């Protein structure tokens, strides 16, 4: 292993200051990119997708749980697999307490093609409480490119998709696939992917996760 160079405190401060300027440029670029992301057009979701979860059958509208926005984690878990993808599991491990998203009018759910009877024991093994649904046998995964065909064989892809609700109408606003999701697991990072951003109308101030009014 190659360790960093050993320098004096003053040399470290100089190097750190130089890096800080580059870090600030990256943060500014991310803010600009976030604004451009929020200006993306959206497309209405017409099909009546059906999922299976802990409370039985659910529609895509149900996954919003009455909130304005929904972030879906496309968790790679094919019907024939015994367990879910380790990389997707590592991502879900780092997703923070959902109260902070919910207070900002945003719901979060994982969706996989595996049958719910296989998802349930794996979810219990991992100790997760996030809503998780099976999209089998419908076309949700293929329509949102979380499952693609390679030589006729279905291949799973990790990713996130964001949706916006206006009354009973649902719109697809953003998706990202086949990338390192590790930096996208925080509440603010997930909100940055959505159409309403970090402070959607009606959001609450930051609180301890057990002090929100719901």
N, C-alpha and C. Protein backbone atom coordinates (compact mmCIF):
# COMPACT_ATOMS: atom_id res chain seq x y z
N UNK A 1 0.83 -1.19 0.00
CA UNK A 1 0.00 0.00 0.00
C UNK A 1 0.87 1.25 0.00
N UNK A 2 0.55 2.18 -0.89
CA UNK A 2 1.27 3.45 -0.96
C UNK A 2 0.58 4.46 -0.07
N UNK A 3 1.29 4.96 0.94
CA UNK A 3 0.71 5.91 1.88
C UNK A 3 0.97 7.35 1.41
N UNK A 4 0.16 8.31 1.88
CA UNK A 4 0.40 9.70 1.51
C UNK A 4 1.76 10.19 1.98
N UNK A 5 2.26 11.21 1.32
CA UNK A 5 3.53 11.83 1.69
C UNK A 5 3.43 12.49 3.06
N UNK A 6 4.48 12.41 3.85
CA UNK A 6 4.52 13.06 5.15
C UNK A 6 5.08 14.47 4.97
N UNK A 7 4.32 15.49 5.43
CA UNK A 7 4.73 16.88 5.27
C UNK A 7 4.50 17.62 6.59
N UNK A 8 4.90 18.88 6.62
CA UNK A 8 4.65 19.72 7.80
C UNK A 8 3.19 20.15 7.82
N UNK A 9 2.75 20.68 8.96
CA UNK A 9 1.37 21.15 9.08
C UNK A 9 1.08 22.28 8.09
N UNK A 10 2.03 23.20 7.91
CA UNK A 10 1.84 24.30 6.96
C UNK A 10 1.73 23.79 5.53
N UNK A 11 2.55 22.82 5.17
CA UNK A 11 2.47 22.25 3.82
C UNK A 11 1.11 21.57 3.63
N UNK A 12 0.66 20.89 4.68
CA UNK A 12 -0.66 20.22 4.59
C UNK A 12 -1.76 21.26 4.38
N UNK A 13 -1.70 22.37 5.14
CA UNK A 13 -2.73 23.41 5.00
C UNK A 13 -2.75 23.99 3.59
N UNK A 14 -1.58 24.20 3.01
CA UNK A 14 -1.51 24.73 1.64
C UNK A 14 -2.14 23.76 0.64
N UNK A 15 -1.77 22.49 0.77
CA UNK A 15 -2.31 21.46 -0.13
C UNK A 15 -3.82 21.31 0.07
N UNK A 16 -4.26 21.38 1.33
CA UNK A 16 -5.69 21.24 1.62
C UNK A 16 -6.48 22.41 1.03
N UNK A 17 -5.93 23.62 1.09
CA UNK A 17 -6.60 24.79 0.54
C UNK A 17 -6.73 24.68 -0.98
N UNK A 18 -5.69 24.20 -1.63
CA UNK A 18 -5.75 24.01 -3.08
C UNK A 18 -6.84 23.01 -3.45
N UNK A 19 -6.92 21.95 -2.67
CA UNK A 19 -7.95 20.94 -2.94
C UNK A 19 -9.34 21.48 -2.64
N UNK A 20 -9.47 22.31 -1.61
CA UNK A 20 -10.78 22.88 -1.25
C UNK A 20 -11.38 23.65 -2.41
N UNK A 21 -10.56 24.41 -3.14
CA UNK A 21 -11.05 25.17 -4.28
C UNK A 21 -11.60 24.22 -5.36
N UNK A 22 -10.91 23.11 -5.58
CA UNK A 22 -11.40 22.15 -6.58
C UNK A 22 -12.67 21.46 -6.10
N UNK A 23 -12.73 21.18 -4.81
CA UNK A 23 -13.95 20.58 -4.25
C UNK A 23 -15.14 21.52 -4.40
N UNK A 24 -14.93 22.80 -4.17
CA UNK A 24 -16.00 23.78 -4.30
C UNK A 24 -16.48 23.87 -5.74
N UNK A 25 -15.55 23.75 -6.69
CA UNK A 25 -15.93 23.77 -8.11
C UNK A 25 -16.81 22.56 -8.44
N UNK A 26 -16.47 21.41 -7.86
CA UNK A 26 -17.28 20.21 -8.08
C UNK A 26 -18.67 20.39 -7.47
N UNK A 27 -18.74 20.95 -6.26
CA UNK A 27 -20.05 21.18 -5.62
C UNK A 27 -20.90 22.13 -6.45
N UNK A 28 -20.28 23.17 -6.97
CA UNK A 28 -21.02 24.12 -7.80
C UNK A 28 -21.53 23.45 -9.07
N UNK A 29 -20.68 22.61 -9.68
CA UNK A 29 -21.09 21.88 -10.88
C UNK A 29 -22.26 20.96 -10.56
N UNK A 30 -22.26 20.35 -9.37
CA UNK A 30 -23.36 19.48 -8.98
C UNK A 30 -24.65 20.27 -8.80
N UNK A 31 -24.54 21.48 -8.24
CA UNK A 31 -25.73 22.32 -8.08
C UNK A 31 -26.32 22.70 -9.43
N UNK A 32 -25.46 23.04 -10.37
CA UNK A 32 -25.92 23.36 -11.72
C UNK A 32 -26.57 22.14 -12.37
N UNK A 33 -25.93 20.99 -12.21
CA UNK A 33 -26.47 19.75 -12.78
C UNK A 33 -27.82 19.41 -12.15
N UNK A 34 -27.94 19.63 -10.83
CA UNK A 34 -29.20 19.36 -10.16
C UNK A 34 -30.32 20.23 -10.70
N UNK A 35 -30.01 21.50 -10.95
CA UNK A 35 -31.02 22.40 -11.51
C UNK A 35 -31.44 21.95 -12.91
N UNK A 36 -30.48 21.50 -13.70
CA UNK A 36 -30.80 20.99 -15.04
C UNK A 36 -31.64 19.71 -14.94
N UNK A 37 -31.33 18.89 -13.96
CA UNK A 37 -32.11 17.65 -13.77
C UNK A 37 -33.56 17.98 -13.45
N UNK A 38 -33.77 19.00 -12.61
CA UNK A 38 -35.14 19.36 -12.24
C UNK A 38 -35.91 19.97 -13.41
N UNK A 39 -35.19 20.43 -14.42
CA UNK A 39 -35.85 20.99 -15.61
C UNK A 39 -36.12 19.94 -16.69
N UNK A 40 -35.72 18.70 -16.44
CA UNK A 40 -36.02 17.65 -17.42
C UNK A 40 -37.53 17.54 -17.63
N UNK A 41 -37.95 17.25 -18.86
CA UNK A 41 -39.38 17.00 -19.06
C UNK A 41 -39.78 15.69 -18.40
N UNK A 42 -41.07 15.48 -18.26
CA UNK A 42 -41.54 14.23 -17.65
C UNK A 42 -42.56 13.58 -18.58
N UNK A 43 -42.78 12.29 -18.36
CA UNK A 43 -43.70 11.54 -19.21
C UNK A 43 -44.73 10.85 -18.33
N UNK A 44 -45.98 10.91 -18.74
CA UNK A 44 -47.03 10.28 -17.95
C UNK A 44 -46.93 8.77 -18.06
N UNK A 45 -47.14 8.11 -16.93
CA UNK A 45 -47.10 6.65 -16.87
C UNK A 45 -48.52 6.13 -17.05
N UNK A 46 -48.75 5.49 -18.20
CA UNK A 46 -50.10 5.05 -18.53
C UNK A 46 -50.45 3.65 -18.03
N UNK A 47 -49.55 2.66 -18.16
CA UNK A 47 -49.96 1.30 -17.77
C UNK A 47 -50.29 1.20 -16.29
N UNK A 48 -51.22 0.35 -15.96
CA UNK A 48 -51.60 0.11 -14.57
C UNK A 48 -50.73 -1.03 -14.03
N UNK A 49 -49.52 -0.70 -13.61
CA UNK A 49 -48.61 -1.71 -13.09
C UNK A 49 -49.14 -2.25 -11.76
N UNK A 50 -48.97 -3.56 -11.57
CA UNK A 50 -49.37 -4.20 -10.33
C UNK A 50 -48.14 -4.80 -9.66
N UNK A 51 -48.04 -4.60 -8.35
CA UNK A 51 -46.94 -5.12 -7.55
C UNK A 51 -47.51 -5.95 -6.41
N UNK A 52 -46.63 -6.74 -5.80
CA UNK A 52 -47.03 -7.47 -4.59
C UNK A 52 -46.10 -7.09 -3.46
N UNK A 53 -46.68 -6.69 -2.34
CA UNK A 53 -45.89 -6.29 -1.18
C UNK A 53 -46.45 -6.86 0.09
N UNK A 54 -46.05 -6.28 1.20
CA UNK A 54 -46.46 -6.80 2.50
C UNK A 54 -47.96 -6.73 2.75
N UNK A 55 -48.65 -5.80 2.08
CA UNK A 55 -50.09 -5.67 2.25
C UNK A 55 -50.87 -6.21 1.05
N UNK A 56 -50.22 -7.06 0.26
CA UNK A 56 -50.88 -7.64 -0.90
C UNK A 56 -50.61 -6.87 -2.18
N UNK A 57 -51.59 -6.83 -3.07
CA UNK A 57 -51.43 -6.18 -4.36
C UNK A 57 -51.40 -4.65 -4.20
N UNK A 58 -50.61 -4.02 -5.05
CA UNK A 58 -50.50 -2.56 -5.00
C UNK A 58 -50.25 -2.04 -6.41
N UNK A 59 -50.72 -0.82 -6.66
CA UNK A 59 -50.44 -0.15 -7.92
C UNK A 59 -49.24 0.78 -7.73
N UNK A 60 -48.75 1.34 -8.82
CA UNK A 60 -47.66 2.30 -8.72
C UNK A 60 -48.10 3.51 -7.89
N UNK A 61 -49.35 3.92 -8.05
CA UNK A 61 -49.87 5.03 -7.26
C UNK A 61 -49.85 4.69 -5.76
N UNK A 62 -50.13 3.44 -5.42
CA UNK A 62 -50.10 3.03 -4.02
C UNK A 62 -48.71 3.17 -3.41
N UNK A 63 -47.67 2.96 -4.23
CA UNK A 63 -46.29 3.03 -3.71
C UNK A 63 -45.93 4.43 -3.23
N UNK A 64 -46.67 5.46 -3.70
CA UNK A 64 -46.43 6.82 -3.23
C UNK A 64 -46.85 7.01 -1.77
N UNK A 65 -47.73 6.16 -1.28
CA UNK A 65 -48.25 6.25 0.08
C UNK A 65 -48.84 7.64 0.37
N UNK A 66 -49.45 8.23 -0.67
CA UNK A 66 -50.10 9.52 -0.51
C UNK A 66 -49.19 10.72 -0.67
N UNK A 67 -47.90 10.50 -0.89
CA UNK A 67 -46.96 11.62 -1.02
C UNK A 67 -46.83 12.04 -2.49
N UNK A 68 -46.13 13.15 -2.71
CA UNK A 68 -46.04 13.72 -4.05
C UNK A 68 -44.98 13.05 -4.92
N UNK A 69 -43.93 12.51 -4.28
CA UNK A 69 -42.82 11.94 -5.04
C UNK A 69 -42.53 10.52 -4.58
N UNK A 70 -41.91 9.76 -5.49
CA UNK A 70 -41.54 8.38 -5.20
C UNK A 70 -40.18 8.10 -5.82
N UNK A 71 -39.27 7.55 -5.04
CA UNK A 71 -37.99 7.07 -5.55
C UNK A 71 -38.01 5.55 -5.47
N UNK A 72 -37.81 4.90 -6.60
CA UNK A 72 -37.79 3.43 -6.67
C UNK A 72 -36.36 2.95 -6.85
N UNK A 73 -35.94 2.06 -5.97
CA UNK A 73 -34.65 1.40 -6.12
C UNK A 73 -34.86 0.12 -6.90
N UNK A 74 -34.28 0.04 -8.10
CA UNK A 74 -34.36 -1.18 -8.90
C UNK A 74 -33.34 -2.17 -8.33
N UNK A 75 -33.80 -2.97 -7.39
CA UNK A 75 -32.94 -3.93 -6.68
C UNK A 75 -32.82 -5.19 -7.52
N UNK A 76 -31.61 -5.53 -7.91
CA UNK A 76 -31.40 -6.70 -8.78
C UNK A 76 -31.66 -7.99 -7.98
N UNK A 77 -32.74 -8.64 -8.33
CA UNK A 77 -33.13 -9.90 -7.69
C UNK A 77 -34.01 -10.63 -8.69
N UNK A 78 -33.39 -11.46 -9.53
CA UNK A 78 -34.12 -12.18 -10.58
C UNK A 78 -34.97 -13.29 -9.96
N UNK A 79 -36.02 -13.72 -10.65
CA UNK A 79 -36.92 -14.74 -10.10
C UNK A 79 -36.23 -16.04 -9.72
N UNK A 80 -35.17 -16.39 -10.45
CA UNK A 80 -34.50 -17.67 -10.19
C UNK A 80 -33.40 -17.58 -9.14
N UNK A 81 -33.07 -16.38 -8.68
CA UNK A 81 -31.99 -16.23 -7.69
C UNK A 81 -32.48 -16.59 -6.29
N UNK A 82 -31.56 -17.11 -5.48
CA UNK A 82 -31.89 -17.43 -4.10
C UNK A 82 -31.82 -16.19 -3.20
N UNK A 83 -30.90 -15.28 -3.50
CA UNK A 83 -30.76 -14.05 -2.73
C UNK A 83 -30.60 -12.87 -3.68
N UNK A 84 -30.73 -11.66 -3.14
CA UNK A 84 -30.56 -10.47 -3.94
C UNK A 84 -29.11 -10.13 -4.19
N UNK A 85 -28.89 -9.16 -5.07
CA UNK A 85 -27.56 -8.73 -5.46
C UNK A 85 -26.82 -8.11 -4.27
N UNK A 86 -25.57 -8.54 -3.99
CA UNK A 86 -24.80 -7.97 -2.87
C UNK A 86 -24.55 -6.47 -3.01
N UNK A 87 -24.31 -5.99 -4.25
CA UNK A 87 -24.07 -4.55 -4.44
C UNK A 87 -25.33 -3.75 -4.16
N UNK A 88 -26.47 -4.25 -4.61
CA UNK A 88 -27.74 -3.57 -4.32
C UNK A 88 -28.03 -3.60 -2.82
N UNK A 89 -27.67 -4.71 -2.19
CA UNK A 89 -27.87 -4.83 -0.74
C UNK A 89 -27.00 -3.81 0.00
N UNK A 90 -25.77 -3.62 -0.46
CA UNK A 90 -24.88 -2.64 0.18
C UNK A 90 -25.45 -1.24 0.03
N UNK A 91 -26.04 -0.95 -1.15
CA UNK A 91 -26.67 0.36 -1.34
C UNK A 91 -27.83 0.55 -0.37
N UNK A 92 -28.69 -0.48 -0.28
CA UNK A 92 -29.87 -0.35 0.58
C UNK A 92 -29.46 -0.24 2.05
N UNK A 93 -28.35 -0.87 2.41
CA UNK A 93 -27.85 -0.75 3.78
C UNK A 93 -27.56 0.70 4.17
N UNK A 94 -27.13 1.50 3.20
CA UNK A 94 -26.72 2.86 3.53
C UNK A 94 -27.82 3.89 3.39
N UNK A 95 -28.99 3.49 2.89
CA UNK A 95 -30.10 4.43 2.80
C UNK A 95 -30.54 4.80 4.21
N UNK A 96 -30.63 6.08 4.50
CA UNK A 96 -30.92 6.54 5.85
C UNK A 96 -32.37 6.29 6.26
N UNK A 97 -32.71 6.78 7.45
CA UNK A 97 -34.06 6.61 7.96
C UNK A 97 -35.04 7.30 7.03
N UNK A 98 -36.08 6.59 6.62
CA UNK A 98 -37.01 7.11 5.62
C UNK A 98 -37.86 8.27 6.12
N UNK A 99 -37.86 8.51 7.43
CA UNK A 99 -38.65 9.63 7.96
C UNK A 99 -38.21 10.95 7.35
N UNK A 100 -36.91 11.10 7.08
CA UNK A 100 -36.41 12.36 6.52
C UNK A 100 -36.90 12.57 5.09
N UNK A 101 -37.00 11.49 4.30
CA UNK A 101 -37.58 11.60 2.97
C UNK A 101 -39.08 11.87 3.05
N UNK A 102 -39.75 11.13 3.91
CA UNK A 102 -41.20 11.25 4.01
C UNK A 102 -41.62 12.64 4.46
N UNK A 103 -40.81 13.26 5.33
CA UNK A 103 -41.11 14.61 5.77
C UNK A 103 -40.99 15.61 4.62
N UNK A 104 -40.30 15.20 3.56
CA UNK A 104 -40.16 16.04 2.37
C UNK A 104 -41.05 15.54 1.24
N UNK A 105 -42.17 14.92 1.65
CA UNK A 105 -43.22 14.54 0.70
C UNK A 105 -42.74 13.54 -0.33
N UNK A 106 -41.80 12.68 0.07
CA UNK A 106 -41.18 11.72 -0.86
C UNK A 106 -41.15 10.33 -0.24
N UNK A 107 -41.63 9.35 -0.99
CA UNK A 107 -41.59 7.96 -0.55
C UNK A 107 -40.45 7.22 -1.24
N UNK A 108 -40.06 6.11 -0.65
CA UNK A 108 -38.98 5.28 -1.18
C UNK A 108 -39.42 3.83 -1.13
N UNK A 109 -39.12 3.08 -2.19
CA UNK A 109 -39.45 1.66 -2.22
C UNK A 109 -38.45 0.93 -3.10
N UNK A 110 -38.17 -0.31 -2.74
CA UNK A 110 -37.37 -1.20 -3.58
C UNK A 110 -38.33 -2.06 -4.40
N UNK A 111 -37.93 -2.34 -5.64
CA UNK A 111 -38.74 -3.18 -6.53
C UNK A 111 -37.82 -4.18 -7.22
N UNK A 112 -38.25 -5.45 -7.24
CA UNK A 112 -37.47 -6.52 -7.88
C UNK A 112 -38.40 -7.45 -8.64
N UNK A 113 -37.81 -8.23 -9.56
CA UNK A 113 -38.62 -9.20 -10.32
C UNK A 113 -38.85 -10.49 -9.56
N UNK A 114 -38.07 -10.74 -8.52
CA UNK A 114 -38.25 -11.96 -7.74
C UNK A 114 -39.65 -11.99 -7.12
N UNK A 115 -40.24 -13.17 -6.95
CA UNK A 115 -41.55 -13.23 -6.30
C UNK A 115 -41.44 -12.76 -4.86
N UNK A 116 -42.53 -12.20 -4.34
CA UNK A 116 -42.48 -11.65 -2.99
C UNK A 116 -42.19 -12.72 -1.95
N UNK A 117 -42.58 -13.95 -2.22
CA UNK A 117 -42.30 -15.04 -1.28
C UNK A 117 -40.80 -15.30 -1.14
N UNK A 118 -40.01 -14.88 -2.12
CA UNK A 118 -38.56 -15.00 -2.03
C UNK A 118 -37.94 -13.72 -1.47
N UNK A 119 -38.55 -12.58 -1.79
CA UNK A 119 -38.06 -11.31 -1.26
C UNK A 119 -38.21 -11.26 0.26
N UNK A 120 -39.35 -11.72 0.77
CA UNK A 120 -39.67 -11.56 2.19
C UNK A 120 -38.63 -12.17 3.12
N UNK A 121 -38.21 -13.44 2.92
CA UNK A 121 -37.20 -13.98 3.84
C UNK A 121 -35.85 -13.30 3.71
N UNK A 122 -35.49 -12.87 2.50
CA UNK A 122 -34.21 -12.17 2.33
C UNK A 122 -34.26 -10.81 3.03
N UNK A 123 -35.39 -10.12 2.90
CA UNK A 123 -35.56 -8.84 3.58
C UNK A 123 -35.45 -9.01 5.09
N UNK A 124 -36.07 -10.07 5.62
CA UNK A 124 -35.99 -10.33 7.06
C UNK A 124 -34.55 -10.66 7.47
N UNK A 125 -33.85 -11.43 6.67
CA UNK A 125 -32.46 -11.77 6.96
C UNK A 125 -31.59 -10.52 7.05
N UNK A 126 -31.83 -9.56 6.15
CA UNK A 126 -31.04 -8.33 6.11
C UNK A 126 -31.49 -7.31 7.17
N UNK A 127 -32.65 -7.55 7.78
CA UNK A 127 -33.13 -6.64 8.82
C UNK A 127 -33.67 -5.32 8.29
N UNK A 128 -34.11 -5.29 7.04
CA UNK A 128 -34.60 -4.06 6.43
C UNK A 128 -36.09 -3.86 6.73
N UNK A 129 -36.49 -2.61 6.84
CA UNK A 129 -37.91 -2.28 7.03
C UNK A 129 -38.45 -1.44 5.87
N UNK A 130 -37.62 -1.13 4.87
CA UNK A 130 -38.08 -0.32 3.74
C UNK A 130 -39.16 -1.08 2.96
N UNK A 131 -40.13 -0.39 2.39
CA UNK A 131 -41.11 -1.07 1.53
C UNK A 131 -40.41 -1.73 0.35
N UNK A 132 -40.76 -2.99 0.07
CA UNK A 132 -40.13 -3.73 -1.01
C UNK A 132 -41.22 -4.53 -1.72
N UNK A 133 -41.25 -4.41 -3.03
CA UNK A 133 -42.32 -5.00 -3.82
C UNK A 133 -41.76 -5.89 -4.92
N UNK A 134 -42.54 -6.89 -5.27
CA UNK A 134 -42.26 -7.70 -6.45
C UNK A 134 -43.04 -7.14 -7.63
N UNK A 135 -42.33 -6.99 -8.76
CA UNK A 135 -43.00 -6.50 -9.97
C UNK A 135 -43.41 -7.65 -10.88
N UNK A 136 -43.10 -8.89 -10.48
CA UNK A 136 -43.45 -10.05 -11.31
C UNK A 136 -44.96 -10.25 -11.30
N UNK A 137 -45.54 -10.69 -12.41
CA UNK A 137 -44.91 -10.98 -13.70
C UNK A 137 -45.07 -9.85 -14.71
N UNK A 138 -45.23 -8.63 -14.25
CA UNK A 138 -45.53 -7.51 -15.14
C UNK A 138 -44.32 -6.97 -15.88
N UNK A 139 -44.52 -5.85 -16.55
CA UNK A 139 -43.49 -5.26 -17.42
C UNK A 139 -42.79 -4.05 -16.81
N UNK A 140 -43.00 -3.80 -15.52
CA UNK A 140 -42.42 -2.60 -14.91
C UNK A 140 -40.91 -2.55 -15.09
N UNK A 141 -40.24 -3.65 -14.78
CA UNK A 141 -38.77 -3.66 -14.86
C UNK A 141 -38.27 -3.42 -16.28
N UNK A 142 -38.90 -4.05 -17.26
CA UNK A 142 -38.46 -3.87 -18.64
C UNK A 142 -38.82 -2.48 -19.16
N UNK A 143 -40.00 -1.97 -18.79
CA UNK A 143 -40.40 -0.66 -19.27
C UNK A 143 -39.49 0.44 -18.74
N UNK A 144 -38.95 0.25 -17.54
CA UNK A 144 -38.06 1.25 -16.96
C UNK A 144 -36.60 0.81 -16.99
N UNK A 145 -36.31 -0.14 -17.89
CA UNK A 145 -34.95 -0.55 -18.26
C UNK A 145 -34.13 -1.06 -17.09
N UNK A 146 -34.82 -1.61 -16.07
CA UNK A 146 -34.11 -2.28 -14.99
C UNK A 146 -33.84 -3.73 -15.34
N UNK A 147 -34.53 -4.23 -16.34
CA UNK A 147 -34.25 -5.54 -16.92
C UNK A 147 -34.19 -5.38 -18.42
N UNK A 148 -33.08 -5.79 -19.03
CA UNK A 148 -32.89 -5.67 -20.47
C UNK A 148 -32.60 -7.04 -21.05
N UNK A 149 -32.67 -7.15 -22.36
CA UNK A 149 -32.41 -8.41 -23.04
C UNK A 149 -31.00 -8.42 -23.60
N UNK A 150 -30.29 -9.50 -23.35
CA UNK A 150 -28.95 -9.71 -23.89
C UNK A 150 -28.96 -11.07 -24.56
N UNK A 151 -29.06 -11.05 -25.91
CA UNK A 151 -29.16 -12.32 -26.62
C UNK A 151 -30.42 -13.08 -26.28
N UNK A 152 -31.48 -12.35 -25.97
CA UNK A 152 -32.75 -12.98 -25.64
C UNK A 152 -32.90 -13.32 -24.17
N UNK A 153 -31.83 -13.20 -23.40
CA UNK A 153 -31.87 -13.53 -21.98
C UNK A 153 -32.05 -12.26 -21.16
N UNK A 154 -32.97 -12.27 -20.17
CA UNK A 154 -33.15 -11.08 -19.33
C UNK A 154 -31.95 -10.86 -18.42
N UNK A 155 -31.50 -9.63 -18.35
CA UNK A 155 -30.37 -9.25 -17.52
C UNK A 155 -30.80 -8.12 -16.60
N UNK A 156 -30.50 -8.25 -15.32
CA UNK A 156 -30.88 -7.24 -14.34
C UNK A 156 -29.88 -6.08 -14.35
N UNK A 157 -30.40 -4.88 -14.09
CA UNK A 157 -29.56 -3.68 -14.00
C UNK A 157 -29.90 -2.93 -12.72
N UNK A 158 -28.89 -2.50 -11.98
CA UNK A 158 -29.17 -1.68 -10.79
C UNK A 158 -29.55 -0.27 -11.22
N UNK A 159 -30.33 0.39 -10.41
CA UNK A 159 -30.67 1.75 -10.76
C UNK A 159 -31.70 2.35 -9.82
N UNK A 160 -32.04 3.60 -10.12
CA UNK A 160 -33.06 4.34 -9.40
C UNK A 160 -33.97 5.03 -10.40
N UNK A 161 -35.26 5.08 -10.12
CA UNK A 161 -36.21 5.84 -10.94
C UNK A 161 -37.04 6.73 -10.04
N UNK A 162 -37.33 7.94 -10.52
CA UNK A 162 -38.10 8.91 -9.75
C UNK A 162 -39.43 9.19 -10.44
N UNK A 163 -40.47 9.34 -9.63
CA UNK A 163 -41.81 9.58 -10.13
C UNK A 163 -42.45 10.73 -9.36
N UNK A 164 -43.34 11.42 -10.03
CA UNK A 164 -44.06 12.55 -9.47
C UNK A 164 -45.55 12.29 -9.62
N UNK A 165 -46.32 12.61 -8.58
CA UNK A 165 -47.77 12.38 -8.62
C UNK A 165 -48.50 13.72 -8.62
N UNK A 166 -49.48 13.82 -9.49
CA UNK A 166 -50.39 14.96 -9.48
C UNK A 166 -51.80 14.40 -9.40
N UNK A 167 -52.37 14.41 -8.21
CA UNK A 167 -53.64 13.74 -7.94
C UNK A 167 -53.49 12.25 -8.28
N UNK A 168 -54.25 11.74 -9.25
CA UNK A 168 -54.15 10.32 -9.59
C UNK A 168 -53.29 10.07 -10.83
N UNK A 169 -52.63 11.10 -11.32
CA UNK A 169 -51.75 10.95 -12.48
C UNK A 169 -50.31 10.78 -12.00
N UNK A 170 -49.59 9.84 -12.62
CA UNK A 170 -48.21 9.56 -12.24
C UNK A 170 -47.29 9.87 -13.41
N UNK A 171 -46.18 10.52 -13.12
CA UNK A 171 -45.22 10.91 -14.16
C UNK A 171 -43.83 10.39 -13.81
N UNK A 172 -43.14 9.92 -14.84
CA UNK A 172 -41.75 9.48 -14.69
C UNK A 172 -40.86 10.68 -14.98
N UNK A 173 -39.98 11.03 -14.03
CA UNK A 173 -39.17 12.24 -14.17
C UNK A 173 -37.69 11.96 -14.39
N UNK A 174 -37.18 10.82 -13.88
CA UNK A 174 -35.72 10.60 -13.95
C UNK A 174 -35.41 9.13 -13.68
N UNK A 175 -34.34 8.63 -14.32
CA UNK A 175 -33.80 7.30 -14.02
C UNK A 175 -32.29 7.32 -14.18
N UNK A 176 -31.62 6.48 -13.43
CA UNK A 176 -30.18 6.29 -13.58
C UNK A 176 -29.92 4.79 -13.41
N UNK A 177 -29.08 4.24 -14.28
CA UNK A 177 -28.78 2.81 -14.26
C UNK A 177 -27.28 2.58 -14.42
N UNK A 178 -26.87 1.36 -14.03
CA UNK A 178 -25.51 0.89 -14.30
C UNK A 178 -24.44 1.89 -13.87
N UNK A 179 -24.60 2.45 -12.70
CA UNK A 179 -23.60 3.38 -12.19
C UNK A 179 -23.37 3.07 -10.72
N UNK A 180 -22.35 3.66 -10.16
CA UNK A 180 -22.06 3.47 -8.75
C UNK A 180 -23.10 4.23 -7.94
N UNK A 181 -24.00 3.50 -7.29
CA UNK A 181 -25.07 4.14 -6.54
C UNK A 181 -24.63 4.56 -5.14
N UNK A 182 -23.40 4.20 -4.76
CA UNK A 182 -22.96 4.41 -3.39
C UNK A 182 -23.10 5.86 -2.95
N UNK A 183 -22.82 6.81 -3.84
CA UNK A 183 -22.88 8.22 -3.46
C UNK A 183 -24.29 8.79 -3.52
N UNK A 184 -25.28 7.94 -3.85
CA UNK A 184 -26.66 8.41 -4.01
C UNK A 184 -27.57 7.96 -2.88
N UNK A 185 -27.02 7.37 -1.82
CA UNK A 185 -27.85 6.76 -0.80
C UNK A 185 -28.36 7.68 0.30
N UNK A 186 -27.80 8.88 0.41
CA UNK A 186 -28.25 9.77 1.48
C UNK A 186 -29.58 10.43 1.13
N UNK A 187 -30.26 10.96 2.13
CA UNK A 187 -31.53 11.64 1.90
C UNK A 187 -31.39 12.77 0.90
N UNK A 188 -30.39 13.63 1.08
CA UNK A 188 -30.22 14.77 0.18
C UNK A 188 -29.86 14.33 -1.22
N UNK A 189 -29.03 13.30 -1.35
CA UNK A 189 -28.65 12.81 -2.68
C UNK A 189 -29.86 12.25 -3.41
N UNK A 190 -30.72 11.52 -2.71
CA UNK A 190 -31.93 10.98 -3.34
C UNK A 190 -32.87 12.11 -3.74
N UNK A 191 -33.03 13.11 -2.88
CA UNK A 191 -33.89 14.24 -3.21
C UNK A 191 -33.36 15.01 -4.41
N UNK A 192 -32.04 15.07 -4.54
CA UNK A 192 -31.43 15.78 -5.68
C UNK A 192 -31.78 15.13 -7.02
N UNK A 193 -32.23 13.88 -6.99
CA UNK A 193 -32.61 13.19 -8.23
C UNK A 193 -34.06 13.47 -8.62
N UNK A 194 -34.81 14.05 -7.71
CA UNK A 194 -36.24 14.22 -7.94
C UNK A 194 -36.57 15.55 -8.61
N UNK A 195 -37.78 15.63 -9.12
CA UNK A 195 -38.20 16.84 -9.84
C UNK A 195 -38.37 18.04 -8.91
N UNK A 196 -38.72 17.80 -7.64
CA UNK A 196 -38.94 18.90 -6.70
C UNK A 196 -37.71 19.24 -5.88
N UNK A 197 -36.68 18.42 -5.95
CA UNK A 197 -35.43 18.73 -5.27
C UNK A 197 -35.47 18.55 -3.77
N UNK A 198 -34.59 19.25 -3.08
CA UNK A 198 -34.41 19.05 -1.64
C UNK A 198 -35.50 19.65 -0.78
N UNK A 199 -36.24 20.60 -1.30
CA UNK A 199 -37.21 21.29 -0.47
C UNK A 199 -38.55 21.43 -1.15
N UNK A 200 -39.22 20.29 -1.42
CA UNK A 200 -40.53 20.36 -2.06
C UNK A 200 -41.54 21.06 -1.17
N UNK A 201 -42.57 21.59 -1.79
CA UNK A 201 -43.59 22.33 -1.05
C UNK A 201 -44.17 21.46 0.06
N UNK A 202 -44.32 22.06 1.22
CA UNK A 202 -44.91 21.33 2.33
C UNK A 202 -43.91 20.54 3.14
N UNK A 203 -42.62 20.61 2.81
CA UNK A 203 -41.62 19.85 3.56
C UNK A 203 -41.41 20.48 4.92
N UNK A 204 -40.90 19.68 5.84
CA UNK A 204 -40.67 20.14 7.20
C UNK A 204 -39.19 20.42 7.42
N UNK A 205 -38.91 21.17 8.48
CA UNK A 205 -37.53 21.38 8.87
C UNK A 205 -36.93 20.07 9.36
N UNK A 206 -35.60 19.97 9.33
CA UNK A 206 -34.96 18.76 9.80
C UNK A 206 -35.22 18.56 11.29
N UNK A 207 -35.57 17.34 11.64
CA UNK A 207 -35.82 16.99 13.03
C UNK A 207 -35.17 15.64 13.31
N UNK A 208 -35.15 15.24 14.58
CA UNK A 208 -34.82 13.86 14.91
C UNK A 208 -35.87 12.97 14.25
N UNK A 209 -35.44 11.80 13.75
CA UNK A 209 -36.36 11.04 12.90
C UNK A 209 -37.62 10.56 13.62
N UNK A 210 -37.61 10.57 14.95
CA UNK A 210 -38.82 10.15 15.68
C UNK A 210 -39.66 11.35 16.13
N UNK A 211 -39.34 12.55 15.63
CA UNK A 211 -40.07 13.74 16.05
C UNK A 211 -40.91 14.37 14.94
N UNK A 212 -40.95 13.74 13.77
CA UNK A 212 -41.79 14.27 12.70
C UNK A 212 -43.26 14.02 13.03
N UNK A 213 -44.13 14.82 12.42
CA UNK A 213 -45.56 14.78 12.74
C UNK A 213 -46.31 13.74 11.91
N UNK A 214 -45.82 12.53 11.91
CA UNK A 214 -46.56 11.43 11.26
C UNK A 214 -46.14 10.12 11.89
